[in-house]
Amino acid sequence: MSTTKITVNNNGSLKVEGEFIIVDANGNEYGLQGRTTLGLCRCGLSGNKPFCDGSHRDGFENLSTAFDLPPKKV
């Protein structure tokens, strides 16, 4: 399986690139029509959730900087 890359965009969506599937809470797969790149909403304003429709331009602000998570609990 190839690596999937997720980019946390400043003031915007989560950009997903690579080979992936997206399912709802019941395990039903979204029909992505062959897309290998798309944006997932993280502002909560999209009318097309879970996908980004650009609604964050109305004021969502979040600057993201990578950091290390604490060690995994075992």
PDB file of N, CA and C in Angstrom:
ATOM      1  N   MET A   1       0.845  -1.177   0.000  1.00  0.00           N
ATOM      2  CA  MET A   1       0.000   0.000   0.000  1.00  0.00           C
ATOM      3  C   MET A   1       0.893   1.243   0.000  1.00  0.00           C
ATOM      4  N   SER A   2       0.527   2.219  -0.796  1.00  0.00           N
ATOM      5  CA  SER A   2       1.319   3.444  -0.860  1.00  0.00           C
ATOM      6  C   SER A   2       0.992   4.367   0.312  1.00  0.00           C
ATOM      7  N   THR A   3       1.857   5.320   0.530  1.00  0.00           N
ATOM      8  CA  THR A   3       1.680   6.272   1.621  1.00  0.00           C
ATOM      9  C   THR A   3       0.633   7.312   1.261  1.00  0.00           C
ATOM     10  N   THR A   4      -0.224   7.611   2.204  1.00  0.00           N
ATOM     11  CA  THR A   4      -1.194   8.688   2.061  1.00  0.00           C
ATOM     12  C   THR A   4      -0.658   9.884   2.830  1.00  0.00           C
ATOM     13  N   LYS A   5      -0.689  11.053   2.209  1.00  0.00           N
ATOM     14  CA  LYS A   5      -0.186  12.276   2.845  1.00  0.00           C
ATOM     15  C   LYS A   5      -1.371  13.161   3.203  1.00  0.00           C
ATOM     16  N   ILE A   6      -1.394  13.649   4.442  1.00  0.00           N
ATOM     17  CA  ILE A   6      -2.420  14.588   4.894  1.00  0.00           C
ATOM     18  C   ILE A   6      -1.717  15.867   5.305  1.00  0.00           C
ATOM     19  N   THR A   7      -2.102  16.973   4.670  1.00  0.00           N
ATOM     20  CA  THR A   7      -1.523  18.272   4.967  1.00  0.00           C
ATOM     21  C   THR A   7      -2.549  19.117   5.708  1.00  0.00           C
ATOM     22  N   VAL A   8      -2.176  19.647   6.869  1.00  0.00           N
ATOM     23  CA  VAL A   8      -3.045  20.539   7.632  1.00  0.00           C
ATOM     24  C   VAL A   8      -2.792  21.945   7.100  1.00  0.00           C
ATOM     25  N   ASN A   9      -3.710  22.428   6.287  1.00  0.00           N
ATOM     26  CA  ASN A   9      -3.562  23.756   5.681  1.00  0.00           C
ATOM     27  C   ASN A   9      -3.865  24.845   6.700  1.00  0.00           C
ATOM     28  N   ASN A  10      -3.043  25.886   6.729  1.00  0.00           N
ATOM     29  CA  ASN A  10      -3.327  27.032   7.585  1.00  0.00           C
ATOM     30  C   ASN A  10      -4.656  27.639   7.172  1.00  0.00           C
ATOM     31  N   ASN A  11      -5.503  27.925   8.153  1.00  0.00           N
ATOM     32  CA  ASN A  11      -6.795  28.579   7.922  1.00  0.00           C
ATOM     33  C   ASN A  11      -7.666  27.837   6.914  1.00  0.00           C
ATOM     34  N   GLY A  12      -7.526  26.505   6.851  1.00  0.00           N
ATOM     35  CA  GLY A  12      -8.309  25.779   5.863  1.00  0.00           C
ATOM     36  C   GLY A  12      -8.439  24.299   6.144  1.00  0.00           C
ATOM     37  N   SER A  13      -8.570  23.571   5.068  1.00  0.00           N
ATOM     38  CA  SER A  13      -8.912  22.151   5.103  1.00  0.00           C
ATOM     39  C   SER A  13      -7.730  21.246   5.430  1.00  0.00           C
ATOM     40  N   LEU A  14      -8.060  19.957   5.539  1.00  0.00           N
ATOM     41  CA  LEU A  14      -7.063  18.899   5.575  1.00  0.00           C
ATOM     42  C   LEU A  14      -6.957  18.386   4.150  1.00  0.00           C
ATOM     43  N   LYS A  15      -5.814  18.550   3.515  1.00  0.00           N
ATOM     44  CA  LYS A  15      -5.608  18.083   2.150  1.00  0.00           C
ATOM     45  C   LYS A  15      -5.113  16.643   2.216  1.00  0.00           C
ATOM     46  N   VAL A  16      -5.845  15.729   1.568  1.00  0.00           N
ATOM     47  CA  VAL A  16      -5.514  14.311   1.560  1.00  0.00           C
ATOM     48  C   VAL A  16      -5.036  13.942   0.162  1.00  0.00           C
ATOM     49  N   GLU A  17      -3.852  13.320   0.084  1.00  0.00           N
ATOM     50  CA  GLU A  17      -3.277  12.938  -1.205  1.00  0.00           C
ATOM     51  C   GLU A  17      -2.807  11.493  -1.147  1.00  0.00           C
ATOM     52  N   GLY A  18      -3.047  10.755  -2.212  1.00  0.00           N
ATOM     53  CA  GLY A  18      -2.579   9.374  -2.296  1.00  0.00           C
ATOM     54  C   GLY A  18      -3.726   8.439  -2.603  1.00  0.00           C
ATOM     55  N   GLU A  19      -3.564   7.202  -2.182  1.00  0.00           N
ATOM     56  CA  GLU A  19      -4.614   6.201  -2.337  1.00  0.00           C
ATOM     57  C   GLU A  19      -5.315   6.046  -0.996  1.00  0.00           C
ATOM     58  N   PHE A  20      -6.636   6.214  -0.969  1.00  0.00           N
ATOM     59  CA  PHE A  20      -7.384   6.150   0.275  1.00  0.00           C
ATOM     60  C   PHE A  20      -8.851   5.883  -0.022  1.00  0.00           C
ATOM     61  N   ILE A  21      -9.563   5.445   0.983  1.00  0.00           N
ATOM     62  CA  ILE A  21     -11.014   5.395   0.942  1.00  0.00           C
ATOM     63  C   ILE A  21     -11.499   6.187   2.145  1.00  0.00           C
ATOM     64  N   ILE A  22     -12.715   6.695   2.068  1.00  0.00           N
ATOM     65  CA  ILE A  22     -13.326   7.408   3.180  1.00  0.00           C
ATOM     66  C   ILE A  22     -14.680   6.754   3.418  1.00  0.00           C
ATOM     67  N   VAL A  23     -14.947   6.395   4.668  1.00  0.00           N
ATOM     68  CA  VAL A  23     -16.210   5.753   5.013  1.00  0.00           C
ATOM     69  C   VAL A  23     -16.927   6.564   6.078  1.00  0.00           C
ATOM     70  N   ASP A  24     -18.271   6.408   6.118  1.00  0.00           N
ATOM     71  CA  ASP A  24     -19.051   7.075   7.153  1.00  0.00           C
ATOM     72  C   ASP A  24     -19.044   6.221   8.420  1.00  0.00           C
ATOM     73  N   ALA A  25     -19.758   6.657   9.445  1.00  0.00           N
ATOM     74  CA  ALA A  25     -19.757   5.971  10.739  1.00  0.00           C
ATOM     75  C   ALA A  25     -20.291   4.542  10.653  1.00  0.00           C
ATOM     76  N   ASN A  26     -21.053   4.246   9.615  1.00  0.00           N
ATOM     77  CA  ASN A  26     -21.597   2.903   9.430  1.00  0.00           C
ATOM     78  C   ASN A  26     -20.733   2.029   8.528  1.00  0.00           C
ATOM     79  N   GLY A  27     -19.593   2.566   8.081  1.00  0.00           N
ATOM     80  CA  GLY A  27     -18.702   1.810   7.217  1.00  0.00           C
ATOM     81  C   GLY A  27     -19.026   1.913   5.738  1.00  0.00           C
ATOM     82  N   ASN A  28     -20.017   2.750   5.379  1.00  0.00           N
ATOM     83  CA  ASN A  28     -20.370   2.943   3.975  1.00  0.00           C
ATOM     84  C   ASN A  28     -19.354   3.849   3.301  1.00  0.00           C
ATOM     85  N   GLU A  29     -18.883   3.440   2.146  1.00  0.00           N
ATOM     86  CA  GLU A  29     -17.828   4.154   1.436  1.00  0.00           C
ATOM     87  C   GLU A  29     -18.393   5.312   0.615  1.00  0.00           C
ATOM     88  N   TYR A  30     -17.740   6.480   0.715  1.00  0.00           N
ATOM     89  CA  TYR A  30     -18.077   7.619  -0.139  1.00  0.00           C
ATOM     90  C   TYR A  30     -17.570   7.334  -1.549  1.00  0.00           C
ATOM     91  N   GLY A  31     -18.337   7.718  -2.553  1.00  0.00           N
ATOM     92  CA  GLY A  31     -17.916   7.556  -3.942  1.00  0.00           C
ATOM     93  C   GLY A  31     -17.024   8.723  -4.343  1.00  0.00           C
ATOM     94  N   LEU A  32     -15.737   8.507  -4.366  1.00  0.00           N
ATOM     95  CA  LEU A  32     -14.777   9.578  -4.621  1.00  0.00           C
ATOM     96  C   LEU A  32     -14.462   9.752  -6.102  1.00  0.00           C
ATOM     97  N   GLN A  33     -15.051   8.920  -6.953  1.00  0.00           N
ATOM     98  CA  GLN A  33     -14.914   9.040  -8.406  1.00  0.00           C
ATOM     99  C   GLN A  33     -13.458   9.102  -8.865  1.00  0.00           C
ATOM    100  N   GLY A  34     -12.616   8.288  -8.230  1.00  0.00           N
ATOM    101  CA  GLY A  34     -11.227   8.183  -8.648  1.00  0.00           C
ATOM    102  C   GLY A  34     -10.298   9.277  -8.153  1.00  0.00           C
ATOM    103  N   ARG A  35     -10.789  10.164  -7.311  1.00  0.00           N
ATOM    104  CA  ARG A  35      -9.923  11.249  -6.809  1.00  0.00           C
ATOM    105  C   ARG A  35      -8.786  10.685  -5.969  1.00  0.00           C
ATOM    106  N   THR A  36      -7.621  11.272  -6.153  1.00  0.00           N
ATOM    107  CA  THR A  36      -6.464  10.934  -5.330  1.00  0.00           C
ATOM    108  C   THR A  36      -6.005  12.143  -4.511  1.00  0.00           C
ATOM    109  N   THR A  37      -6.721  13.247  -4.637  1.00  0.00           N
ATOM    110  CA  THR A  37      -6.478  14.452  -3.837  1.00  0.00           C
ATOM    111  C   THR A  37      -7.828  15.090  -3.540  1.00  0.00           C
ATOM    112  N   LEU A  38      -8.048  15.461  -2.289  1.00  0.00           N
ATOM    113  CA  LEU A  38      -9.258  16.206  -1.934  1.00  0.00           C
ATOM    114  C   LEU A  38      -9.047  16.893  -0.602  1.00  0.00           C
ATOM    115  N   GLY A  39      -9.964  17.776  -0.243  1.00  0.00           N
ATOM    116  CA  GLY A  39      -9.902  18.500   1.021  1.00  0.00           C
ATOM    117  C   GLY A  39     -11.006  18.065   1.952  1.00  0.00           C
ATOM    118  N   LEU A  40     -10.666  17.823   3.205  1.00  0.00           N
ATOM    119  CA  LEU A  40     -11.644  17.516   4.237  1.00  0.00           C
ATOM    120  C   LEU A  40     -11.847  18.744   5.112  1.00  0.00           C
ATOM    121  N   CYS A  41     -13.103  19.035   5.418  1.00  0.00           N
ATOM    122  CA  CYS A  41     -13.457  20.200   6.233  1.00  0.00           C
ATOM    123  C   CYS A  41     -12.954  20.021   7.654  1.00  0.00           C
ATOM    124  N   ARG A  42     -12.391  21.078   8.222  1.00  0.00           N
ATOM    125  CA  ARG A  42     -12.071  21.062   9.649  1.00  0.00           C
ATOM    126  C   ARG A  42     -12.607  22.294  10.360  1.00  0.00           C
ATOM    127  N   CYS A  43     -13.300  23.180   9.617  1.00  0.00           N
ATOM    128  CA  CYS A  43     -13.864  24.375  10.245  1.00  0.00           C
ATOM    129  C   CYS A  43     -15.313  24.147  10.691  1.00  0.00           C
ATOM    130  N   GLY A  44     -15.965  23.131  10.116  1.00  0.00           N
ATOM    131  CA  GLY A  44     -17.352  22.842  10.461  1.00  0.00           C
ATOM    132  C   GLY A  44     -18.366  23.647   9.672  1.00  0.00           C
ATOM    133  N   LEU A  45     -17.925  24.496   8.747  1.00  0.00           N
ATOM    134  CA  LEU A  45     -18.842  25.366   8.012  1.00  0.00           C
ATOM    135  C   LEU A  45     -19.274  24.824   6.652  1.00  0.00           C
ATOM    136  N   SER A  46     -18.618  23.789   6.154  1.00  0.00           N
ATOM    137  CA  SER A  46     -18.902  23.285   4.816  1.00  0.00           C
ATOM    138  C   SER A  46     -20.331  22.780   4.691  1.00  0.00           C
ATOM    139  N   GLY A  47     -20.956  23.068   3.570  1.00  0.00           N
ATOM    140  CA  GLY A  47     -22.263  22.524   3.260  1.00  0.00           C
ATOM    141  C   GLY A  47     -22.146  21.159   2.619  1.00  0.00           C
ATOM    142  N   ASN A  48     -20.923  20.666   2.473  1.00  0.00           N
ATOM    143  CA  ASN A  48     -20.638  19.409   1.793  1.00  0.00           C
ATOM    144  C   ASN A  48     -19.787  18.503   2.683  1.00  0.00           C
ATOM    145  N   LYS A  49     -20.004  18.591   4.016  1.00  0.00           N
ATOM    146  CA  LYS A  49     -19.210  17.803   4.963  1.00  0.00           C
ATOM    147  C   LYS A  49     -19.295  16.323   4.630  1.00  0.00           C
ATOM    148  N   PRO A  50     -18.234  15.573   4.749  1.00  0.00           N
ATOM    149  CA  PRO A  50     -16.987  15.918   5.413  1.00  0.00           C
ATOM    150  C   PRO A  50     -15.996  16.629   4.491  1.00  0.00           C
ATOM    151  N   PHE A  51     -16.430  16.961   3.273  1.00  0.00           N
ATOM    152  CA  PHE A  51     -15.526  17.559   2.296  1.00  0.00           C
ATOM    153  C   PHE A  51     -15.551  19.079   2.379  1.00  0.00           C
ATOM    154  N   CYS A  52     -14.420  19.698   2.079  1.00  0.00           N
ATOM    155  CA  CYS A  52     -14.286  21.150   2.112  1.00  0.00           C
ATOM    156  C   CYS A  52     -14.953  21.768   0.889  1.00  0.00           C
ATOM    157  N   ASP A  53     -15.721  22.831   1.106  1.00  0.00           N
ATOM    158  CA  ASP A  53     -16.303  23.577  -0.021  1.00  0.00           C
ATOM    159  C   ASP A  53     -15.826  25.029  -0.039  1.00  0.00           C
ATOM    160  N   GLY A  54     -14.817  25.358   0.761  1.00  0.00           N
ATOM    161  CA  GLY A  54     -14.267  26.710   0.792  1.00  0.00           C
ATOM    162  C   GLY A  54     -14.965  27.655   1.758  1.00  0.00           C
ATOM    163  N   SER A  55     -15.945  27.180   2.514  1.00  0.00           N
ATOM    164  CA  SER A  55     -16.679  28.046   3.443  1.00  0.00           C
ATOM    165  C   SER A  55     -15.798  28.638   4.532  1.00  0.00           C
ATOM    166  N   HIS A  56     -14.625  28.037   4.789  1.00  0.00           N
ATOM    167  CA  HIS A  56     -13.723  28.532   5.832  1.00  0.00           C
ATOM    168  C   HIS A  56     -13.232  29.949   5.536  1.00  0.00           C
ATOM    169  N   ARG A  57     -13.374  30.378   4.313  1.00  0.00           N
ATOM    170  CA  ARG A  57     -12.924  31.734   3.949  1.00  0.00           C
ATOM    171  C   ARG A  57     -13.704  32.811   4.697  1.00  0.00           C
ATOM    172  N   ASP A  58     -14.832  32.424   5.312  1.00  0.00           N
ATOM    173  CA  ASP A  58     -15.660  33.373   6.052  1.00  0.00           C
ATOM    174  C   ASP A  58     -15.150  33.646   7.461  1.00  0.00           C
ATOM    175  N   GLY A  59     -13.947  33.138   7.820  1.00  0.00           N
ATOM    176  CA  GLY A  59     -13.404  33.515   9.109  1.00  0.00           C
ATOM    177  C   GLY A  59     -12.728  32.443   9.925  1.00  0.00           C
ATOM    178  N   PHE A  60     -12.604  31.213   9.422  1.00  0.00           N
ATOM    179  CA  PHE A  60     -11.896  30.183  10.182  1.00  0.00           C
ATOM    180  C   PHE A  60     -10.414  30.514  10.202  1.00  0.00           C
ATOM    181  N   GLU A  61      -9.827  30.559  11.405  1.00  0.00           N
ATOM    182  CA  GLU A  61      -8.399  30.850  11.521  1.00  0.00           C
ATOM    183  C   GLU A  61      -7.734  29.803  12.386  1.00  0.00           C
ATOM    184  N   ASN A  62      -6.693  29.186  11.863  1.00  0.00           N
ATOM    185  CA  ASN A  62      -5.901  28.234  12.613  1.00  0.00           C
ATOM    186  C   ASN A  62      -4.584  28.043  11.898  1.00  0.00           C
ATOM    187  N   LEU A  63      -3.510  28.460  12.522  1.00  0.00           N
ATOM    188  CA  LEU A  63      -2.181  28.254  11.962  1.00  0.00           C
ATOM    189  C   LEU A  63      -1.620  26.976  12.557  1.00  0.00           C
ATOM    190  N   SER A  64      -1.189  26.079  11.692  1.00  0.00           N
ATOM    191  CA  SER A  64      -0.750  24.763  12.145  1.00  0.00           C
ATOM    192  C   SER A  64       0.759  24.615  12.020  1.00  0.00           C
ATOM    193  N   THR A  65       1.371  24.166  13.088  1.00  0.00           N
ATOM    194  CA  THR A  65       2.793  23.876  13.109  1.00  0.00           C
ATOM    195  C   THR A  65       2.957  22.467  13.656  1.00  0.00           C
ATOM    196  N   ALA A  66       3.728  21.647  12.961  1.00  0.00           N
ATOM    197  CA  ALA A  66       3.928  20.266  13.371  1.00  0.00           C
ATOM    198  C   ALA A  66       4.588  20.179  14.745  1.00  0.00           C
ATOM    199  N   PHE A  67       4.214  19.159  15.508  1.00  0.00           N
ATOM    200  CA  PHE A  67       4.813  18.915  16.811  1.00  0.00           C
ATOM    201  C   PHE A  67       4.758  17.413  17.077  1.00  0.00           C
ATOM    202  N   ASP A  68       5.508  16.974  18.081  1.00  0.00           N
ATOM    203  CA  ASP A  68       5.526  15.569  18.453  1.00  0.00           C
ATOM    204  C   ASP A  68       4.429  15.283  19.481  1.00  0.00           C
ATOM    205  N   LEU A  69       3.684  14.212  19.243  1.00  0.00           N
ATOM    206  CA  LEU A  69       2.700  13.766  20.213  1.00  0.00           C
ATOM    207  C   LEU A  69       3.427  13.108  21.386  1.00  0.00           C
ATOM    208  N   PRO A  70       2.753  13.030  22.542  1.00  0.00           N
ATOM    209  CA  PRO A  70       3.366  12.287  23.641  1.00  0.00           C
ATOM    210  C   PRO A  70       3.450  10.803  23.272  1.00  0.00           C
ATOM    211  N   PRO A  71       4.276  10.035  23.968  1.00  0.00           N
ATOM    212  CA  PRO A  71       4.398   8.608  23.657  1.00  0.00           C
ATOM    213  C   PRO A  71       3.044   7.900  23.722  1.00  0.00           C
ATOM    214  N   LYS A  72       2.881   6.880  22.853  1.00  0.00           N
ATOM    215  CA  LYS A  72       1.668   6.085  22.847  1.00  0.00           C
ATOM    216  C   LYS A  72       1.495   5.365  24.180  1.00  0.00           C
ATOM    217  N   LYS A  73       0.250   5.292  24.634  1.00  0.00           N
ATOM    218  CA  LYS A  73      -0.033   4.513  25.837  1.00  0.00           C
ATOM    219  C   LYS A  73      -0.097   3.045  25.459  1.00  0.00           C
ATOM    220  N   VAL A  74       0.453   2.207  26.296  1.00  0.00           N
ATOM    221  CA  VAL A  74       0.454   0.761  26.006  1.00  0.00           C
ATOM    222  C   VAL A  74      -0.480  -0.004  26.903  1.00  0.00           C
TER     223      VAL A  74
END
